[in-house]
Amino acid sequence: MHQFRTELKGCKLLDRDRFKWAAQAPTMSDEERRKHSRGFLTRGLEKKSPSRNEFTAYGQACLEMARGIFQALRNHQAVLFAAAIPRKTIKPDTHEATDFLRKDQVFLLERYFYFLEAKKEHGLLVMDEIEKTEDRRFVRRLENYFTKTQTGRFRSAWIVPTPFFVSSDMAIPVQAADLAIYCVNWGFRLPTRGMDAPLREEIATKFGPWLADLQFQGDAHKNGRIFQEYGIVFVPDPYTAR
C-alpha cells in the first residue's frame, strides 16, 4: 500500500462509500477484483477518475481486506481490549485531568492486567505515535499511574510500564488495531451500560460478531471477590472518581 501512498485504516476500509461501491455489482473473482483495484489505486496517483468496475472492485477489496484482517487476528489468537467514552466528553481544567490517566484508560489496563496475570506473561504497551508533545504528556500520566498509585504499582508486575511508540504506516499490528477500534466505534454497543449511540448497521452486522468473538473474557478479582470481566468497556464518566 505504501507505493500508492496510503495505509490500512478503519476509516478508509469501511467508510460508507466503500460499502456503496461494493454493492454496485455481484462479487468479483479474486483475480478480477485484484486487477481493477490496482487500476483504482493507479488512477488515484495519476489524478484520473476510476471506472465503475474499478470503484466496485476497490469497494469489495476493502471489505474483504477488513474481513481477512479479523480472520487473521482470530487465527493468531488475538484478544481485543477497548474502552469507549461518550463522544461529547469534555476534559475538565483540573490537575487530575492533566496529570493522571482517565478512568477508561485505567479500566483498559485493568483488563489487560487480568489477561496477562492468567497467562503468567508480561505485556508491552505499543502506541501509535501522534505528536511528540502530546505523546510525552501521555507517558507522564502513565508514569504517574504506575509509580504513584498502589494499583498501578501492583499491575506493573505484569504490564511493562514504559510504552513503545511506533509509526502506524510501518507497523501492521497497529493498523489492525485501528480497524478494530473503528468497528467498535461504529458497530458495537452495550445499551444496558449506556453505550447506545447510533451505529452503522452494515458494520454491526458484518463485523460485530468478530468483535464479540475476539474481545477478552476472563476472571477478574477485587476486594476478595471473583467475577467475569469483558475486554470492551464503556465508561460514561471518564473524569469522575468512583
C-alpha atoms as a PDB file:
ATOM      1  CA  MET A   1       0.000   0.000   0.000  1.00  0.00           C
ATOM      2  CA  HIS A   2       2.946   2.309   0.609  1.00  0.00           C
ATOM      3  CA  GLN A   3       3.656   2.572  -3.117  1.00  0.00           C
ATOM      4  CA  PHE A   4       0.164   4.035  -3.539  1.00  0.00           C
ATOM      5  CA  ARG A   5       0.721   6.491  -0.650  1.00  0.00           C
ATOM      6  CA  THR A   6      -1.901   5.001   1.622  1.00  0.00           C
ATOM      7  CA  GLU A   7      -2.130   2.741   4.670  1.00  0.00           C
ATOM      8  CA  LEU A   8      -4.699   0.436   6.219  1.00  0.00           C
ATOM      9  CA  LYS A   9      -7.107   2.360   8.421  1.00  0.00           C
ATOM     10  CA  GLY A  10     -10.623   1.541   9.501  1.00  0.00           C
ATOM     11  CA  CYS A  11     -11.953   4.879   8.278  1.00  0.00           C
ATOM     12  CA  LYS A  12     -10.561   4.144   4.809  1.00  0.00           C
ATOM     13  CA  LEU A  13     -11.512   0.479   4.538  1.00  0.00           C
ATOM     14  CA  LEU A  14     -15.037   0.780   5.909  1.00  0.00           C
ATOM     15  CA  ASP A  15     -16.397   4.222   5.172  1.00  0.00           C
ATOM     16  CA  ARG A  16     -19.885   4.391   3.699  1.00  0.00           C
ATOM     17  CA  ASP A  17     -18.637   4.841   0.135  1.00  0.00           C
ATOM     18  CA  ARG A  18     -16.770   1.523   0.240  1.00  0.00           C
ATOM     19  CA  PHE A  19     -19.962  -0.347   1.103  1.00  0.00           C
ATOM     20  CA  LYS A  20     -21.857   1.529  -1.616  1.00  0.00           C
ATOM     21  CA  TRP A  21     -19.218   0.789  -4.245  1.00  0.00           C
ATOM     22  CA  ALA A  22     -19.009  -2.874  -3.248  1.00  0.00           C
ATOM     23  CA  ALA A  23     -22.762  -3.311  -3.726  1.00  0.00           C
ATOM     24  CA  GLN A  24     -22.762  -1.947  -7.282  1.00  0.00           C
ATOM     25  CA  ALA A  25     -22.231  -5.409  -8.786  1.00  0.00           C
ATOM     26  CA  PRO A  26     -22.009  -9.089  -7.822  1.00  0.00           C
ATOM     27  CA  THR A  27     -18.868 -10.242  -6.047  1.00  0.00           C
ATOM     28  CA  MET A  28     -15.921 -10.334  -8.427  1.00  0.00           C
ATOM     29  CA  SER A  29     -13.416 -13.155  -8.672  1.00  0.00           C
ATOM     30  CA  ASP A  30     -10.159 -12.647  -6.794  1.00  0.00           C
ATOM     31  CA  GLU A  31      -8.205 -12.076  -9.999  1.00  0.00           C
ATOM     32  CA  GLU A  32     -10.702  -9.592 -11.441  1.00  0.00           C
ATOM     33  CA  ARG A  33     -11.008  -7.717  -8.149  1.00  0.00           C
ATOM     34  CA  ARG A  34      -7.238  -7.506  -7.806  1.00  0.00           C
ATOM     35  CA  LYS A  35      -6.791  -6.175 -11.354  1.00  0.00           C
ATOM     36  CA  HIS A  36      -9.435  -3.467 -11.056  1.00  0.00           C
ATOM     37  CA  SER A  37      -8.365  -2.480  -7.525  1.00  0.00           C
ATOM     38  CA  ARG A  38      -4.841  -1.915  -8.729  1.00  0.00           C
ATOM     39  CA  GLY A  39      -6.269   0.184 -11.537  1.00  0.00           C
ATOM     40  CA  PHE A  40      -8.240   2.228  -8.983  1.00  0.00           C
ATOM     41  CA  LEU A  41      -5.112   2.978  -6.949  1.00  0.00           C
ATOM     42  CA  THR A  42      -3.011   3.721 -10.025  1.00  0.00           C
ATOM     43  CA  ARG A  43      -5.579   6.188 -11.341  1.00  0.00           C
ATOM     44  CA  GLY A  44      -5.513   7.894  -7.959  1.00  0.00           C
ATOM     45  CA  LEU A  45      -1.785   8.512  -8.336  1.00  0.00           C
ATOM     46  CA  GLU A  46      -2.374   9.773 -11.867  1.00  0.00           C
ATOM     47  CA  LYS A  47      -5.176  12.109 -10.709  1.00  0.00           C
ATOM     48  CA  LYS A  48      -7.623  10.339 -13.027  1.00  0.00           C
ATOM     49  CA  SER A  49     -11.167   9.180 -12.340  1.00  0.00           C
ATOM     50  CA  PRO A  50     -11.537   5.386 -11.938  1.00  0.00           C
ATOM     51  CA  SER A  51     -14.076   3.400 -13.938  1.00  0.00           C
ATOM     52  CA  ARG A  52     -17.239   1.933 -12.420  1.00  0.00           C
ATOM     53  CA  ASN A  53     -15.661  -1.533 -12.347  1.00  0.00           C
ATOM     54  CA  GLU A  54     -12.636  -0.112 -10.551  1.00  0.00           C
ATOM     55  CA  PHE A  55     -14.818   1.591  -7.947  1.00  0.00           C
ATOM     56  CA  THR A  56     -16.737  -1.650  -7.431  1.00  0.00           C
ATOM     57  CA  ALA A  57     -13.614  -3.772  -7.189  1.00  0.00           C
ATOM     58  CA  TYR A  58     -11.959  -1.419  -4.738  1.00  0.00           C
ATOM     59  CA  GLY A  59     -15.033  -1.326  -2.523  1.00  0.00           C
ATOM     60  CA  GLN A  60     -15.208  -5.117  -2.474  1.00  0.00           C
ATOM     61  CA  ALA A  61     -11.456  -5.359  -1.878  1.00  0.00           C
ATOM     62  CA  CYS A  62     -11.665  -3.043   1.132  1.00  0.00           C
ATOM     63  CA  LEU A  63     -14.412  -5.110   2.747  1.00  0.00           C
ATOM     64  CA  GLU A  64     -12.568  -8.337   2.007  1.00  0.00           C
ATOM     65  CA  MET A  65      -9.347  -6.881   3.414  1.00  0.00           C
ATOM     66  CA  ALA A  66     -11.147  -5.956   6.634  1.00  0.00           C
ATOM     67  CA  ARG A  67     -12.687  -9.420   6.898  1.00  0.00           C
ATOM     68  CA  GLY A  68      -9.309 -11.006   6.232  1.00  0.00           C
ATOM     69  CA  ILE A  69      -7.668  -8.948   8.968  1.00  0.00           C
ATOM     70  CA  PHE A  70     -10.236 -10.106  11.504  1.00  0.00           C
ATOM     71  CA  GLN A  71      -9.776 -13.688  10.319  1.00  0.00           C
ATOM     72  CA  ALA A  72      -6.003 -13.371  10.767  1.00  0.00           C
ATOM     73  CA  LEU A  73      -6.473 -11.924  14.249  1.00  0.00           C
ATOM     74  CA  ARG A  74      -8.615 -14.876  15.261  1.00  0.00           C
ATOM     75  CA  ASN A  75      -6.252 -17.385  13.643  1.00  0.00           C
ATOM     76  CA  HIS A  76      -3.382 -15.945  15.688  1.00  0.00           C
ATOM     77  CA  GLN A  77      -5.429 -15.910  18.914  1.00  0.00           C
ATOM     78  CA  ALA A  78      -5.500 -12.131  19.191  1.00  0.00           C
ATOM     79  CA  VAL A  79      -7.501 -10.712  22.093  1.00  0.00           C
ATOM     80  CA  LEU A  80      -9.367  -7.416  21.916  1.00  0.00           C
ATOM     81  CA  PHE A  81      -9.433  -4.749  24.615  1.00  0.00           C
ATOM     82  CA  ALA A  82     -11.185  -1.421  24.097  1.00  0.00           C
ATOM     83  CA  ALA A  83     -12.552   1.390  26.234  1.00  0.00           C
ATOM     84  CA  ALA A  84     -15.227   3.753  24.935  1.00  0.00           C
ATOM     85  CA  ILE A  85     -16.364   7.105  26.297  1.00  0.00           C
ATOM     86  CA  PRO A  86     -19.176   9.444  25.181  1.00  0.00           C
ATOM     87  CA  ARG A  87     -18.353  11.394  22.037  1.00  0.00           C
ATOM     88  CA  LYS A  88     -19.065  14.774  23.666  1.00  0.00           C
ATOM     89  CA  THR A  89     -16.870  14.228  26.727  1.00  0.00           C
ATOM     90  CA  ILE A  90     -15.116  17.454  27.735  1.00  0.00           C
ATOM     91  CA  LYS A  91     -11.814  17.379  29.584  1.00  0.00           C
ATOM     92  CA  PRO A  92     -12.048  19.473  32.764  1.00  0.00           C
ATOM     93  CA  ASP A  93      -9.387  22.051  33.556  1.00  0.00           C
ATOM     94  CA  THR A  94      -8.066  20.283  36.644  1.00  0.00           C
ATOM     95  CA  HIS A  95      -4.746  18.996  37.910  1.00  0.00           C
ATOM     96  CA  GLU A  96      -6.095  15.432  37.975  1.00  0.00           C
ATOM     97  CA  ALA A  97      -7.213  15.538  34.344  1.00  0.00           C
ATOM     98  CA  THR A  98      -3.833  16.893  33.259  1.00  0.00           C
ATOM     99  CA  ASP A  99      -1.540  14.632  35.259  1.00  0.00           C
ATOM    100  CA  PHE A 100      -3.404  11.331  35.604  1.00  0.00           C
ATOM    101  CA  LEU A 101      -4.964   8.755  33.313  1.00  0.00           C
ATOM    102  CA  ARG A 102      -8.664   8.903  32.578  1.00  0.00           C
ATOM    103  CA  LYS A 103     -10.807   6.278  34.235  1.00  0.00           C
ATOM    104  CA  ASP A 104     -11.454   4.454  30.948  1.00  0.00           C
ATOM    105  CA  GLN A 105      -7.706   4.130  30.385  1.00  0.00           C
ATOM    106  CA  VAL A 106      -7.283   2.683  33.874  1.00  0.00           C
ATOM    107  CA  PHE A 107     -10.090   0.190  33.211  1.00  0.00           C
ATOM    108  CA  LEU A 108      -8.390  -0.816  29.960  1.00  0.00           C
ATOM    109  CA  LEU A 109      -5.121  -1.502  31.783  1.00  0.00           C
ATOM    110  CA  GLU A 110      -7.059  -3.390  34.438  1.00  0.00           C
ATOM    111  CA  ARG A 111      -8.453  -5.831  31.870  1.00  0.00           C
ATOM    112  CA  TYR A 112      -5.086  -6.178  30.187  1.00  0.00           C
ATOM    113  CA  PHE A 113      -3.566  -6.993  33.578  1.00  0.00           C
ATOM    114  CA  TYR A 114      -6.131  -9.743  34.255  1.00  0.00           C
ATOM    115  CA  PHE A 115      -5.364 -11.273  30.859  1.00  0.00           C
ATOM    116  CA  LEU A 116      -1.604 -11.236  31.452  1.00  0.00           C
ATOM    117  CA  GLU A 117      -1.931 -12.481  35.015  1.00  0.00           C
ATOM    118  CA  ALA A 118      -3.928 -15.512  33.864  1.00  0.00           C
ATOM    119  CA  LYS A 119      -1.334 -16.244  31.175  1.00  0.00           C
ATOM    120  CA  LYS A 120       1.592 -15.569  33.529  1.00  0.00           C
ATOM    121  CA  GLU A 121       3.123 -13.450  30.771  1.00  0.00           C
ATOM    122  CA  HIS A 122       4.464  -9.902  30.659  1.00  0.00           C
ATOM    123  CA  GLY A 123       2.827  -7.499  28.235  1.00  0.00           C
ATOM    124  CA  LEU A 124       4.012  -4.445  26.321  1.00  0.00           C
ATOM    125  CA  LEU A 125       2.173  -1.219  25.559  1.00  0.00           C
ATOM    126  CA  VAL A 126       2.668  -0.256  21.902  1.00  0.00           C
ATOM    127  CA  MET A 127       1.239   3.127  20.956  1.00  0.00           C
ATOM    128  CA  ASP A 128       0.569   4.813  17.635  1.00  0.00           C
ATOM    129  CA  GLU A 129       2.695   7.949  17.732  1.00  0.00           C
ATOM    130  CA  ILE A 130       0.705  11.117  17.147  1.00  0.00           C
ATOM    131  CA  GLU A 131       2.501  14.290  18.189  1.00  0.00           C
ATOM    132  CA  LYS A 132       5.562  14.265  20.416  1.00  0.00           C
ATOM    133  CA  THR A 133       4.343  16.851  22.920  1.00  0.00           C
ATOM    134  CA  GLU A 134       1.051  15.050  23.487  1.00  0.00           C
ATOM    135  CA  ASP A 135       2.791  11.661  23.499  1.00  0.00           C
ATOM    136  CA  ARG A 136       5.125  12.882  26.258  1.00  0.00           C
ATOM    137  CA  ARG A 137       2.143  14.075  28.284  1.00  0.00           C
ATOM    138  CA  PHE A 138       0.563  10.660  27.989  1.00  0.00           C
ATOM    139  CA  VAL A 139       3.813   8.995  29.068  1.00  0.00           C
ATOM    140  CA  ARG A 140       3.866  11.212  32.162  1.00  0.00           C
ATOM    141  CA  ARG A 141       0.317  10.158  33.004  1.00  0.00           C
ATOM    142  CA  LEU A 142       1.310   6.516  32.635  1.00  0.00           C
ATOM    143  CA  GLU A 143       4.365   7.057  34.829  1.00  0.00           C
ATOM    144  CA  ASN A 144       2.210   8.687  37.494  1.00  0.00           C
ATOM    145  CA  TYR A 145      -0.184   5.754  37.391  1.00  0.00           C
ATOM    146  CA  PHE A 146       2.491   3.062  37.594  1.00  0.00           C
ATOM    147  CA  THR A 147       4.629   4.821  40.221  1.00  0.00           C
ATOM    148  CA  LYS A 148       2.275   6.946  42.332  1.00  0.00           C
ATOM    149  CA  THR A 149      -0.744   4.678  42.742  1.00  0.00           C
ATOM    150  CA  GLN A 150      -0.800   1.417  44.642  1.00  0.00           C
ATOM    151  CA  THR A 151      -2.918  -0.260  41.974  1.00  0.00           C
ATOM    152  CA  GLY A 152      -0.592   0.874  39.205  1.00  0.00           C
ATOM    153  CA  ARG A 153       2.480  -0.418  41.022  1.00  0.00           C
ATOM    154  CA  PHE A 154       0.734  -3.750  41.540  1.00  0.00           C
ATOM    155  CA  ARG A 155      -0.212  -4.054  37.873  1.00  0.00           C
ATOM    156  CA  SER A 156       3.310  -3.252  36.713  1.00  0.00           C
ATOM    157  CA  ALA A 157       4.148  -6.778  37.881  1.00  0.00           C
ATOM    158  CA  TRP A 158       2.805  -7.961  34.501  1.00  0.00           C
ATOM    159  CA  ILE A 159       2.458  -4.805  32.381  1.00  0.00           C
ATOM    160  CA  VAL A 160       5.762  -3.277  31.272  1.00  0.00           C
ATOM    161  CA  PRO A 161       5.117   0.315  32.406  1.00  0.00           C
ATOM    162  CA  THR A 162       7.061   2.104  29.661  1.00  0.00           C
ATOM    163  CA  PRO A 163       5.235   2.285  26.305  1.00  0.00           C
ATOM    164  CA  PHE A 164       6.765   1.968  22.862  1.00  0.00           C
ATOM    165  CA  PHE A 165       5.723   4.441  20.166  1.00  0.00           C
ATOM    166  CA  VAL A 166       5.659   3.401  16.518  1.00  0.00           C
ATOM    167  CA  SER A 167       4.579   4.939  13.239  1.00  0.00           C
ATOM    168  CA  SER A 168       1.374   3.228  12.163  1.00  0.00           C
ATOM    169  CA  ASP A 169       2.327   3.116   8.486  1.00  0.00           C
ATOM    170  CA  MET A 170       5.330   0.984   9.484  1.00  0.00           C
ATOM    171  CA  ALA A 171       3.505  -1.306  11.927  1.00  0.00           C
ATOM    172  CA  ILE A 172       0.802  -3.589  10.538  1.00  0.00           C
ATOM    173  CA  PRO A 173      -0.442  -4.689  14.007  1.00  0.00           C
ATOM    174  CA  VAL A 174      -1.206  -1.050  14.828  1.00  0.00           C
ATOM    175  CA  GLN A 175      -3.172  -0.785  11.584  1.00  0.00           C
ATOM    176  CA  ALA A 176      -5.126  -3.906  12.561  1.00  0.00           C
ATOM    177  CA  ALA A 177      -5.853  -2.321  15.944  1.00  0.00           C
ATOM    178  CA  ASP A 178      -7.081   0.819  14.178  1.00  0.00           C
ATOM    179  CA  LEU A 179      -9.551  -1.289  12.185  1.00  0.00           C
ATOM    180  CA  ALA A 180     -10.821  -2.990  15.339  1.00  0.00           C
ATOM    181  CA  ILE A 181     -11.235   0.361  17.114  1.00  0.00           C
ATOM    182  CA  TYR A 182     -13.154   1.777  14.152  1.00  0.00           C
ATOM    183  CA  CYS A 183     -15.518  -1.194  14.214  1.00  0.00           C
ATOM    184  CA  VAL A 184     -16.053  -0.833  17.971  1.00  0.00           C
ATOM    185  CA  ASN A 185     -16.806   2.849  17.435  1.00  0.00           C
ATOM    186  CA  TRP A 186     -19.397   2.236  14.725  1.00  0.00           C
ATOM    187  CA  GLY A 187     -20.589  -1.334  15.172  1.00  0.00           C
ATOM    188  CA  PHE A 188     -20.521  -2.380  18.839  1.00  0.00           C
ATOM    189  CA  ARG A 189     -22.924  -1.247  21.546  1.00  0.00           C
ATOM    190  CA  LEU A 190     -23.694  -2.043  25.193  1.00  0.00           C
ATOM    191  CA  PRO A 191     -27.146  -0.460  25.552  1.00  0.00           C
ATOM    192  CA  THR A 192     -27.700  -1.734  29.093  1.00  0.00           C
ATOM    193  CA  ARG A 193     -24.474   0.042  30.123  1.00  0.00           C
ATOM    194  CA  GLY A 194     -25.394   3.318  28.442  1.00  0.00           C
ATOM    195  CA  MET A 195     -23.406   2.740  25.245  1.00  0.00           C
ATOM    196  CA  ASP A 196     -26.382   3.328  22.975  1.00  0.00           C
ATOM    197  CA  ALA A 197     -25.324   5.949  20.423  1.00  0.00           C
ATOM    198  CA  PRO A 198     -26.474   5.408  16.817  1.00  0.00           C
ATOM    199  CA  LEU A 199     -24.404   2.856  14.926  1.00  0.00           C
ATOM    200  CA  ARG A 200     -23.873   1.810  11.340  1.00  0.00           C
ATOM    201  CA  GLU A 201     -25.880  -1.326  10.742  1.00  0.00           C
ATOM    202  CA  GLU A 202     -23.646  -2.555   7.935  1.00  0.00           C
ATOM    203  CA  ILE A 203     -20.610  -2.569  10.254  1.00  0.00           C
ATOM    204  CA  ALA A 204     -22.544  -4.021  13.195  1.00  0.00           C
ATOM    205  CA  THR A 205     -23.862  -6.841  11.014  1.00  0.00           C
ATOM    206  CA  LYS A 206     -20.656  -7.685   9.177  1.00  0.00           C
ATOM    207  CA  PHE A 207     -18.056  -7.094  11.892  1.00  0.00           C
ATOM    208  CA  GLY A 208     -19.919  -7.042  15.213  1.00  0.00           C
ATOM    209  CA  PRO A 209     -19.672 -10.847  15.582  1.00  0.00           C
ATOM    210  CA  TRP A 210     -15.905 -10.659  15.054  1.00  0.00           C
ATOM    211  CA  LEU A 211     -15.604  -8.100  17.857  1.00  0.00           C
ATOM    212  CA  ALA A 212     -17.675 -10.214  20.223  1.00  0.00           C
ATOM    213  CA  ASP A 213     -15.569 -13.256  19.379  1.00  0.00           C
ATOM    214  CA  LEU A 214     -12.208 -11.508  19.848  1.00  0.00           C
ATOM    215  CA  GLN A 215     -12.894  -9.499  22.981  1.00  0.00           C
ATOM    216  CA  PHE A 216     -11.313 -10.648  26.226  1.00  0.00           C
ATOM    217  CA  GLN A 217     -13.408 -12.737  28.583  1.00  0.00           C
ATOM    218  CA  GLY A 218     -11.918 -13.892  31.850  1.00  0.00           C
ATOM    219  CA  ASP A 219     -11.942 -13.872  35.612  1.00  0.00           C
ATOM    220  CA  ALA A 220     -11.273 -10.660  37.496  1.00  0.00           C
ATOM    221  CA  HIS A 221     -10.833 -10.147  41.200  1.00  0.00           C
ATOM    222  CA  LYS A 222     -11.376  -7.212  43.515  1.00  0.00           C
ATOM    223  CA  ASN A 223     -11.759  -6.998  47.298  1.00  0.00           C
ATOM    224  CA  GLY A 224     -11.719 -10.780  47.580  1.00  0.00           C
ATOM    225  CA  ARG A 225     -14.500 -11.194  45.013  1.00  0.00           C
ATOM    226  CA  ILE A 226     -14.078 -13.053  41.705  1.00  0.00           C
ATOM    227  CA  PHE A 227     -16.262 -12.089  38.751  1.00  0.00           C
ATOM    228  CA  GLN A 228     -16.416 -12.300  34.956  1.00  0.00           C
ATOM    229  CA  GLU A 229     -14.868  -9.416  33.018  1.00  0.00           C
ATOM    230  CA  TYR A 230     -15.016  -8.444  29.343  1.00  0.00           C
ATOM    231  CA  GLY A 231     -12.498  -6.663  27.162  1.00  0.00           C
ATOM    232  CA  ILE A 232     -14.760  -3.912  25.811  1.00  0.00           C
ATOM    233  CA  VAL A 233     -15.887  -1.425  28.437  1.00  0.00           C
ATOM    234  CA  PHE A 234     -17.984   1.743  28.228  1.00  0.00           C
ATOM    235  CA  VAL A 235     -17.212   4.496  30.736  1.00  0.00           C
ATOM    236  CA  PRO A 236     -19.815   7.298  30.724  1.00  0.00           C
ATOM    237  CA  ASP A 237     -17.918   9.443  33.237  1.00  0.00           C
ATOM    238  CA  PRO A 238     -14.176   9.154  32.456  1.00  0.00           C
ATOM    239  CA  TYR A 239     -13.173  12.137  34.612  1.00  0.00           C
ATOM    240  CA  THR A 240     -15.318  11.365  37.667  1.00  0.00           C
ATOM    241  CA  ALA A 241     -13.868   9.375  40.556  1.00  0.00           C
ATOM    242  CA  ARG A 242     -15.668   6.255  41.733  1.00  0.00           C
END
